[in-house]
Amino acid sequence: MEINIQKSSDVVLCAIIGEININNSPDLRKAFDKFISENEKKVVVDFSEVPYVDSSGLATLIEMFQRLKKIDGHLKLSHLDQKVKNIFEITKLNKLFEIYDLKEKAIEDFND
C-alpha cells in the first residue's frame, strides 16, 4: 500500500494505492496520527486505487473518524470501487461515513 498526501487549502487529501489490510493498516494509522498531531480537521480519503479493504482496514478508518470527530474534524471518502462500496454497504458503514463519487465534490463540500 502506498499513501500519497496533498493539501488543498485547508483540506488534506489522502490518496491510497493498494489494498488496505491487516498488514498495512498500521501505516494508514500513522498517516492519520500525523494529520491529527498537526491539527488537520478536514480529511478526504481517495479510494480510486483501492481494490479491497479488510476488517482491520475498516477498524482503522472508524478509529480515525472518531478521533477526528473528537477535535471537531471530519473524514470523507471518495471514489470507492463498487466492490469496496459493497463492503461499506454490507457493514452499514455507508451510514457513518460521507461517501462521494468525486474527491473534488468532497473537498468542495468542506468549503460550503
Protein backbone atom coordinates (compact mmCIF):
# COMPACT_ATOMS: atom_id res chain seq x y z
CA MET A 1 0.00 0.00 0.00
CA GLU A 2 1.16 3.50 -0.82
CA ILE A 3 -0.23 6.68 0.73
CA ASN A 4 0.07 9.99 -1.14
CA ILE A 5 -0.74 13.15 0.79
CA GLN A 6 -1.68 16.50 -0.75
CA LYS A 7 -3.12 19.61 0.80
CA SER A 8 -5.75 21.69 -0.98
CA SER A 9 -6.26 24.90 1.02
CA ASP A 10 -7.32 23.56 4.44
CA VAL A 11 -8.28 20.06 3.26
CA VAL A 12 -5.90 17.10 3.41
CA LEU A 13 -6.29 14.67 0.51
CA CYS A 14 -5.04 11.18 1.29
CA ALA A 15 -4.83 9.02 -1.85
CA ILE A 16 -4.33 5.33 -1.12
CA ILE A 17 -2.90 2.91 -3.67
CA GLY A 18 -3.34 -0.79 -3.00
CA GLU A 19 -5.28 -2.95 -0.56
CA ILE A 20 -5.94 -1.81 2.99
CA ASN A 21 -5.44 -4.91 5.11
CA ILE A 22 -4.10 -6.17 8.43
CA ASN A 23 -0.50 -5.95 7.19
CA ASN A 24 -0.59 -2.27 6.25
CA SER A 25 -3.44 -0.68 8.21
CA PRO A 26 -0.87 0.41 10.87
CA ASP A 27 0.76 2.54 8.13
CA LEU A 28 -2.58 4.20 7.47
CA ARG A 29 -2.98 4.82 11.21
CA LYS A 30 0.45 6.52 11.27
CA ALA A 31 -0.59 8.83 8.42
CA PHE A 32 -3.75 9.77 10.34
CA ASP A 33 -1.75 10.26 13.54
CA LYS A 34 0.29 12.85 11.65
CA PHE A 35 -2.85 14.69 10.46
CA ILE A 36 -4.27 14.79 13.96
CA SER A 37 -0.98 15.89 15.57
CA GLU A 38 -0.87 18.76 13.05
CA ASN A 39 -4.49 19.64 13.97
CA GLU A 40 -5.78 18.95 10.46
CA LYS A 41 -9.56 18.73 10.72
CA LYS A 42 -10.69 18.17 7.14
CA VAL A 43 -9.57 14.91 5.55
CA VAL A 44 -10.67 13.27 2.31
CA VAL A 45 -9.51 9.71 1.59
CA ASP A 46 -9.38 8.88 -2.13
CA PHE A 47 -10.11 5.17 -2.70
CA SER A 48 -9.81 5.25 -6.51
CA GLU A 49 -6.81 2.87 -6.39
CA VAL A 50 -8.06 0.65 -3.52
CA PRO A 51 -9.36 -2.72 -4.72
CA TYR A 52 -10.04 -4.20 -1.26
CA VAL A 53 -10.44 -3.28 2.41
CA ASP A 54 -10.44 -5.92 5.14
CA SER A 55 -11.90 -5.68 8.66
CA SER A 56 -8.70 -4.22 10.14
CA GLY A 57 -8.74 -1.51 7.47
CA LEU A 58 -12.36 -0.73 8.30
CA ALA A 59 -11.50 -0.60 12.01
CA THR A 60 -8.67 1.85 11.29
CA LEU A 61 -11.00 4.10 9.29
CA ILE A 62 -13.63 4.02 12.05
CA GLU A 63 -10.99 4.86 14.66
CA MET A 64 -9.75 7.80 12.60
CA PHE A 65 -13.32 9.00 12.02
CA GLN A 66 -13.88 9.00 15.79
CA ARG A 67 -10.56 10.69 16.59
CA LEU A 68 -11.22 13.46 14.06
CA LYS A 69 -14.75 13.91 15.40
CA LYS A 70 -13.32 14.48 18.92
CA ILE A 71 -11.40 17.51 17.62
CA ASP A 72 -14.37 18.75 15.55
CA GLY A 73 -12.84 17.30 12.40
CA HIS A 74 -14.40 15.40 9.51
CA LEU A 75 -13.37 12.42 7.43
CA LYS A 76 -14.87 11.95 3.96
CA LEU A 77 -14.30 9.11 1.49
CA SER A 78 -14.31 9.31 -2.29
CA HIS A 79 -14.02 7.16 -5.42
CA LEU A 80 -14.98 3.84 -3.83
CA ASP A 81 -14.80 0.98 -6.32
CA GLN A 82 -18.09 -0.98 -6.44
CA LYS A 83 -16.57 -3.95 -4.59
CA VAL A 84 -15.30 -1.69 -1.79
CA LYS A 85 -18.58 0.26 -1.75
CA ASN A 86 -20.40 -3.07 -1.27
CA ILE A 87 -18.28 -3.76 1.83
CA PHE A 88 -19.31 -0.40 3.28
CA GLU A 89 -22.97 -1.08 2.47
CA ILE A 90 -22.98 -4.62 3.92
CA THR A 91 -21.39 -3.36 7.15
CA LYS A 92 -23.69 -0.28 7.18
CA LEU A 93 -20.60 1.96 7.33
CA ASN A 94 -22.03 3.92 4.41
CA LYS A 95 -24.35 5.42 7.07
CA LEU A 96 -21.37 6.53 9.19
CA PHE A 97 -19.08 7.93 6.50
CA GLU A 98 -19.82 10.63 3.97
CA ILE A 99 -19.04 8.90 0.67
CA TYR A 100 -18.59 10.84 -2.57
CA ASP A 101 -18.13 9.74 -6.16
CA LEU A 102 -15.58 12.53 -6.74
CA LYS A 103 -12.86 13.82 -4.42
CA GLU A 104 -13.43 17.30 -5.83
CA LYS A 105 -17.03 17.23 -4.58
CA ALA A 106 -15.92 16.06 -1.12
CA ILE A 107 -13.38 18.91 -0.94
CA GLU A 108 -15.94 21.40 -2.24
CA ASP A 109 -18.47 20.34 0.42
CA PHE A 110 -15.96 21.28 3.14
CA ASN A 111 -15.95 24.83 1.79
CA ASP A 112 -19.74 25.25 1.54
